[in-house]
């Protein structure tokens, strides 16, 4: 994930990329282990959260 994040957003601050990487993995695992019915597209929600961290 870290290597992909570096390739995908090379201009982002290293600390932000690491934070976004961690967030993506943890949110994905959380939704896999404890899915919430009716919450829409999980991948879209995780993507929005990661982009918010990168763009802050």
PDB file of N, CA and C in Angstrom:
ATOM      1  N   UNK A   1       0.825  -1.177   0.000  1.00  0.00           N
ATOM      2  CA  UNK A   1       0.000   0.000   0.000  1.00  0.00           C
ATOM      3  C   UNK A   1       0.873   1.245   0.000  1.00  0.00           C
ATOM      4  N   UNK A   2       1.923   1.221   0.765  1.00  0.00           N
ATOM      5  CA  UNK A   2       2.810   2.373   0.863  1.00  0.00           C
ATOM      6  C   UNK A   2       3.458   2.694  -0.488  1.00  0.00           C
ATOM      7  N   UNK A   3       3.924   1.671  -1.186  1.00  0.00           N
ATOM      8  CA  UNK A   3       4.548   1.883  -2.497  1.00  0.00           C
ATOM      9  C   UNK A   3       3.528   2.427  -3.489  1.00  0.00           C
ATOM     10  N   UNK A   4       2.332   1.872  -3.464  1.00  0.00           N
ATOM     11  CA  UNK A   4       1.283   2.360  -4.372  1.00  0.00           C
ATOM     12  C   UNK A   4       0.951   3.814  -4.054  1.00  0.00           C
ATOM     13  N   UNK A   5       0.829   4.147  -2.780  1.00  0.00           N
ATOM     14  CA  UNK A   5       0.488   5.500  -2.377  1.00  0.00           C
ATOM     15  C   UNK A   5       1.567   6.477  -2.840  1.00  0.00           C
ATOM     16  N   UNK A   6       2.830   6.086  -2.756  1.00  0.00           N
ATOM     17  CA  UNK A   6       3.918   6.933  -3.214  1.00  0.00           C
ATOM     18  C   UNK A   6       3.830   7.168  -4.719  1.00  0.00           C
ATOM     19  N   UNK A   7       3.499   6.120  -5.474  1.00  0.00           N
ATOM     20  CA  UNK A   7       3.339   6.260  -6.926  1.00  0.00           C
ATOM     21  C   UNK A   7       2.104   7.081  -7.284  1.00  0.00           C
ATOM     22  N   UNK A   8       1.028   6.887  -6.542  1.00  0.00           N
ATOM     23  CA  UNK A   8      -0.243   7.542  -6.862  1.00  0.00           C
ATOM     24  C   UNK A   8      -0.230   9.030  -6.530  1.00  0.00           C
ATOM     25  N   UNK A   9       0.397   9.401  -5.441  1.00  0.00           N
ATOM     26  CA  UNK A   9       0.424  10.811  -5.011  1.00  0.00           C
ATOM     27  C   UNK A   9       1.842  11.202  -4.584  1.00  0.00           C
ATOM     28  N   UNK A  10       2.756  11.272  -5.545  1.00  0.00           N
ATOM     29  CA  UNK A  10       4.158  11.529  -5.202  1.00  0.00           C
ATOM     30  C   UNK A  10       4.401  12.922  -4.612  1.00  0.00           C
ATOM     31  N   UNK A  11       3.525  13.873  -4.899  1.00  0.00           N
ATOM     32  CA  UNK A  11       3.725  15.234  -4.388  1.00  0.00           C
ATOM     33  C   UNK A  11       3.189  15.432  -2.974  1.00  0.00           C
ATOM     34  N   UNK A  12       2.455  14.454  -2.469  1.00  0.00           N
ATOM     35  CA  UNK A  12       1.900  14.570  -1.121  1.00  0.00           C
ATOM     36  C   UNK A  12       3.008  14.418  -0.085  1.00  0.00           C
ATOM     37  N   UNK A  13       2.845  15.087   1.017  1.00  0.00           N
ATOM     38  CA  UNK A  13       3.774  14.998   2.135  1.00  0.00           C
ATOM     39  C   UNK A  13       3.883  13.549   2.603  1.00  0.00           C
ATOM     40  N   UNK A  14       5.099  13.101   2.898  1.00  0.00           N
ATOM     41  CA  UNK A  14       5.328  11.712   3.325  1.00  0.00           C
ATOM     42  C   UNK A  14       4.480  11.336   4.539  1.00  0.00           C
ATOM     43  N   UNK A  15       4.392  12.213   5.513  1.00  0.00           N
ATOM     44  CA  UNK A  15       3.595  11.925   6.720  1.00  0.00           C
ATOM     45  C   UNK A  15       2.116  11.770   6.361  1.00  0.00           C
ATOM     46  N   UNK A  16       1.627  12.598   5.444  1.00  0.00           N
ATOM     47  CA  UNK A  16       0.228  12.497   5.008  1.00  0.00           C
ATOM     48  C   UNK A  16      -0.021  11.187   4.280  1.00  0.00           C
ATOM     49  N   UNK A  17       0.939  10.783   3.435  1.00  0.00           N
ATOM     50  CA  UNK A  17       0.785   9.499   2.723  1.00  0.00           C
ATOM     51  C   UNK A  17       0.735   8.345   3.708  1.00  0.00           C
ATOM     52  N   UNK A  18       1.591   8.378   4.711  1.00  0.00           N
ATOM     53  CA  UNK A  18       1.596   7.309   5.710  1.00  0.00           C
ATOM     54  C   UNK A  18       0.284   7.286   6.490  1.00  0.00           C
ATOM     55  N   UNK A  19      -0.217   8.461   6.839  1.00  0.00           N
ATOM     56  CA  UNK A  19      -1.487   8.546   7.556  1.00  0.00           C
ATOM     57  C   UNK A  19      -2.639   8.026   6.689  1.00  0.00           C
ATOM     58  N   UNK A  20      -2.641   8.404   5.421  1.00  0.00           N
ATOM     59  CA  UNK A  20      -3.687   7.952   4.505  1.00  0.00           C
ATOM     60  C   UNK A  20      -3.605   6.447   4.275  1.00  0.00           C
ATOM     61  N   UNK A  21      -2.394   5.931   4.160  1.00  0.00           N
ATOM     62  CA  UNK A  21      -2.166   4.497   3.991  1.00  0.00           C
ATOM     63  C   UNK A  21      -2.731   3.728   5.182  1.00  0.00           C
ATOM     64  N   UNK A  22      -2.395   4.173   6.367  1.00  0.00           N
ATOM     65  CA  UNK A  22      -2.875   3.543   7.595  1.00  0.00           C
ATOM     66  C   UNK A  22      -4.401   3.592   7.668  1.00  0.00           C
ATOM     67  N   UNK A  23      -4.962   4.743   7.355  1.00  0.00           N
ATOM     68  CA  UNK A  23      -6.416   4.912   7.388  1.00  0.00           C
ATOM     69  C   UNK A  23      -7.108   3.970   6.413  1.00  0.00           C
ATOM     70  N   UNK A  24      -6.586   3.872   5.203  1.00  0.00           N
ATOM     71  CA  UNK A  24      -7.198   3.007   4.185  1.00  0.00           C
ATOM     72  C   UNK A  24      -7.225   1.552   4.640  1.00  0.00           C
ATOM     73  N   UNK A  25      -6.116   1.089   5.169  1.00  0.00           N
ATOM     74  CA  UNK A  25      -6.037  -0.313   5.610  1.00  0.00           C
ATOM     75  C   UNK A  25      -6.974  -0.554   6.796  1.00  0.00           C
ATOM     76  N   UNK A  26      -6.963   0.316   7.771  1.00  0.00           N
ATOM     77  CA  UNK A  26      -7.788   0.123   8.960  1.00  0.00           C
ATOM     78  C   UNK A  26      -9.284   0.220   8.661  1.00  0.00           C
ATOM     79  N   UNK A  27      -9.672   1.183   7.832  1.00  0.00           N
ATOM     80  CA  UNK A  27     -11.089   1.294   7.482  1.00  0.00           C
ATOM     81  C   UNK A  27     -11.561   0.093   6.671  1.00  0.00           C
ATOM     82  N   UNK A  28     -10.723  -0.357   5.753  1.00  0.00           N
ATOM     83  CA  UNK A  28     -11.088  -1.521   4.945  1.00  0.00           C
ATOM     84  C   UNK A  28     -11.269  -2.751   5.819  1.00  0.00           C
ATOM     85  N   UNK A  29     -10.321  -3.001   6.696  1.00  0.00           N
ATOM     86  CA  UNK A  29     -10.432  -4.156   7.591  1.00  0.00           C
ATOM     87  C   UNK A  29     -11.647  -4.031   8.512  1.00  0.00           C
ATOM     88  N   UNK A  30     -11.888  -2.851   9.013  1.00  0.00           N
ATOM     89  CA  UNK A  30     -13.034  -2.628   9.884  1.00  0.00           C
ATOM     90  C   UNK A  30     -14.337  -2.966   9.174  1.00  0.00           C
ATOM     91  N   UNK A  31     -14.474  -2.491   7.945  1.00  0.00           N
ATOM     92  CA  UNK A  31     -15.701  -2.769   7.189  1.00  0.00           C
ATOM     93  C   UNK A  31     -15.825  -4.240   6.809  1.00  0.00           C
ATOM     94  N   UNK A  32     -14.687  -4.909   6.624  1.00  0.00           N
ATOM     95  CA  UNK A  32     -14.733  -6.338   6.316  1.00  0.00           C
ATOM     96  C   UNK A  32     -15.182  -7.144   7.533  1.00  0.00           C
ATOM     97  N   UNK A  33     -14.669  -6.770   8.704  1.00  0.00           N
ATOM     98  CA  UNK A  33     -14.964  -7.529   9.917  1.00  0.00           C
ATOM     99  C   UNK A  33     -16.320  -7.187  10.526  1.00  0.00           C
ATOM    100  N   UNK A  34     -16.720  -5.924  10.415  1.00  0.00           N
ATOM    101  CA  UNK A  34     -17.988  -5.486  11.004  1.00  0.00           C
ATOM    102  C   UNK A  34     -18.775  -4.638   9.997  1.00  0.00           C
ATOM    103  N   UNK A  35     -19.284  -5.282   8.949  1.00  0.00           N
ATOM    104  CA  UNK A  35     -20.010  -4.520   7.935  1.00  0.00           C
ATOM    105  C   UNK A  35     -21.289  -3.906   8.506  1.00  0.00           C
ATOM    106  N   UNK A  36     -21.582  -2.709   8.037  1.00  0.00           N
ATOM    107  CA  UNK A  36     -22.795  -2.018   8.451  1.00  0.00           C
ATOM    108  C   UNK A  36     -23.752  -2.047   7.261  1.00  0.00           C
ATOM    109  N   UNK A  37     -24.877  -2.751   7.392  1.00  0.00           N
ATOM    110  CA  UNK A  37     -25.812  -2.830   6.273  1.00  0.00           C
ATOM    111  C   UNK A  37     -26.359  -1.458   5.888  1.00  0.00           C
ATOM    112  N   UNK A  38     -26.538  -1.257   4.597  1.00  0.00           N
ATOM    113  CA  UNK A  38     -27.156  -0.034   4.119  1.00  0.00           C
ATOM    114  C   UNK A  38     -26.277   1.191   4.155  1.00  0.00           C
ATOM    115  N   UNK A  39     -24.971   1.027   4.231  1.00  0.00           N
ATOM    116  CA  UNK A  39     -24.068   2.169   4.298  1.00  0.00           C
ATOM    117  C   UNK A  39     -23.539   2.588   2.927  1.00  0.00           C
ATOM    118  N   UNK A  40     -24.073   2.036   1.852  1.00  0.00           N
ATOM    119  CA  UNK A  40     -23.637   2.422   0.516  1.00  0.00           C
ATOM    120  C   UNK A  40     -22.335   1.767   0.126  1.00  0.00           C
ATOM    121  N   UNK A  41     -21.694   2.356  -0.853  1.00  0.00           N
ATOM    122  CA  UNK A  41     -20.453   1.818  -1.404  1.00  0.00           C
ATOM    123  C   UNK A  41     -19.288   2.088  -0.450  1.00  0.00           C
ATOM    124  N   UNK A  42     -18.811   1.049   0.187  1.00  0.00           N
ATOM    125  CA  UNK A  42     -17.744   1.187   1.178  1.00  0.00           C
ATOM    126  C   UNK A  42     -16.456   1.677   0.530  1.00  0.00           C
ATOM    127  N   UNK A  43     -16.131   1.160  -0.637  1.00  0.00           N
ATOM    128  CA  UNK A  43     -14.887   1.581  -1.286  1.00  0.00           C
ATOM    129  C   UNK A  43     -14.904   3.078  -1.579  1.00  0.00           C
ATOM    130  N   UNK A  44     -16.054   3.599  -1.954  1.00  0.00           N
ATOM    131  CA  UNK A  44     -16.176   5.033  -2.209  1.00  0.00           C
ATOM    132  C   UNK A  44     -15.990   5.836  -0.918  1.00  0.00           C
ATOM    133  N   UNK A  45     -16.536   5.359   0.157  1.00  0.00           N
ATOM    134  CA  UNK A  45     -16.412   6.051   1.449  1.00  0.00           C
ATOM    135  C   UNK A  45     -14.965   6.042   1.940  1.00  0.00           C
ATOM    136  N   UNK A  46     -14.277   4.915   1.787  1.00  0.00           N
ATOM    137  CA  UNK A  46     -12.875   4.828   2.198  1.00  0.00           C
ATOM    138  C   UNK A  46     -12.030   5.765   1.324  1.00  0.00           C
ATOM    139  N   UNK A  47     -12.313   5.783   0.037  1.00  0.00           N
ATOM    140  CA  UNK A  47     -11.584   6.663  -0.885  1.00  0.00           C
ATOM    141  C   UNK A  47     -11.752   8.127  -0.506  1.00  0.00           C
ATOM    142  N   UNK A  48     -12.980   8.529  -0.180  1.00  0.00           N
ATOM    143  CA  UNK A  48     -13.218   9.917   0.224  1.00  0.00           C
ATOM    144  C   UNK A  48     -12.427  10.266   1.489  1.00  0.00           C
ATOM    145  N   UNK A  49     -12.394   9.354   2.438  1.00  0.00           N
ATOM    146  CA  UNK A  49     -11.663   9.596   3.688  1.00  0.00           C
ATOM    147  C   UNK A  49     -10.156   9.728   3.426  1.00  0.00           C
ATOM    148  N   UNK A  50      -9.622   8.847   2.595  1.00  0.00           N
ATOM    149  CA  UNK A  50      -8.199   8.893   2.275  1.00  0.00           C
ATOM    150  C   UNK A  50      -7.848  10.182   1.534  1.00  0.00           C
ATOM    151  N   UNK A  51      -8.685  10.565   0.577  1.00  0.00           N
ATOM    152  CA  UNK A  51      -8.447  11.811  -0.165  1.00  0.00           C
ATOM    153  C   UNK A  51      -8.522  13.030   0.757  1.00  0.00           C
ATOM    154  N   UNK A  52      -9.403  12.979   1.721  1.00  0.00           N
ATOM    155  CA  UNK A  52      -9.513  14.088   2.675  1.00  0.00           C
ATOM    156  C   UNK A  52      -8.225  14.228   3.480  1.00  0.00           C
ATOM    157  N   UNK A  53      -7.634  13.120   3.883  1.00  0.00           N
ATOM    158  CA  UNK A  53      -6.376  13.169   4.631  1.00  0.00           C
ATOM    159  C   UNK A  53      -5.254  13.717   3.746  1.00  0.00           C
ATOM    160  N   UNK A  54      -5.216  13.289   2.497  1.00  0.00           N
ATOM    161  CA  UNK A  54      -4.148  13.724   1.596  1.00  0.00           C
ATOM    162  C   UNK A  54      -4.275  15.199   1.218  1.00  0.00           C
ATOM    163  N   UNK A  55      -5.488  15.698   1.161  1.00  0.00           N
ATOM    164  CA  UNK A  55      -5.705  17.067   0.702  1.00  0.00           C
ATOM    165  C   UNK A  55      -5.817  18.090   1.810  1.00  0.00           C
ATOM    166  N   UNK A  56      -5.681  17.657   3.043  1.00  0.00           N
ATOM    167  CA  UNK A  56      -5.846  18.590   4.165  1.00  0.00           C
ATOM    168  C   UNK A  56      -4.688  19.537   4.266  1.00  0.00           C
TER     169      UNK A  56
END
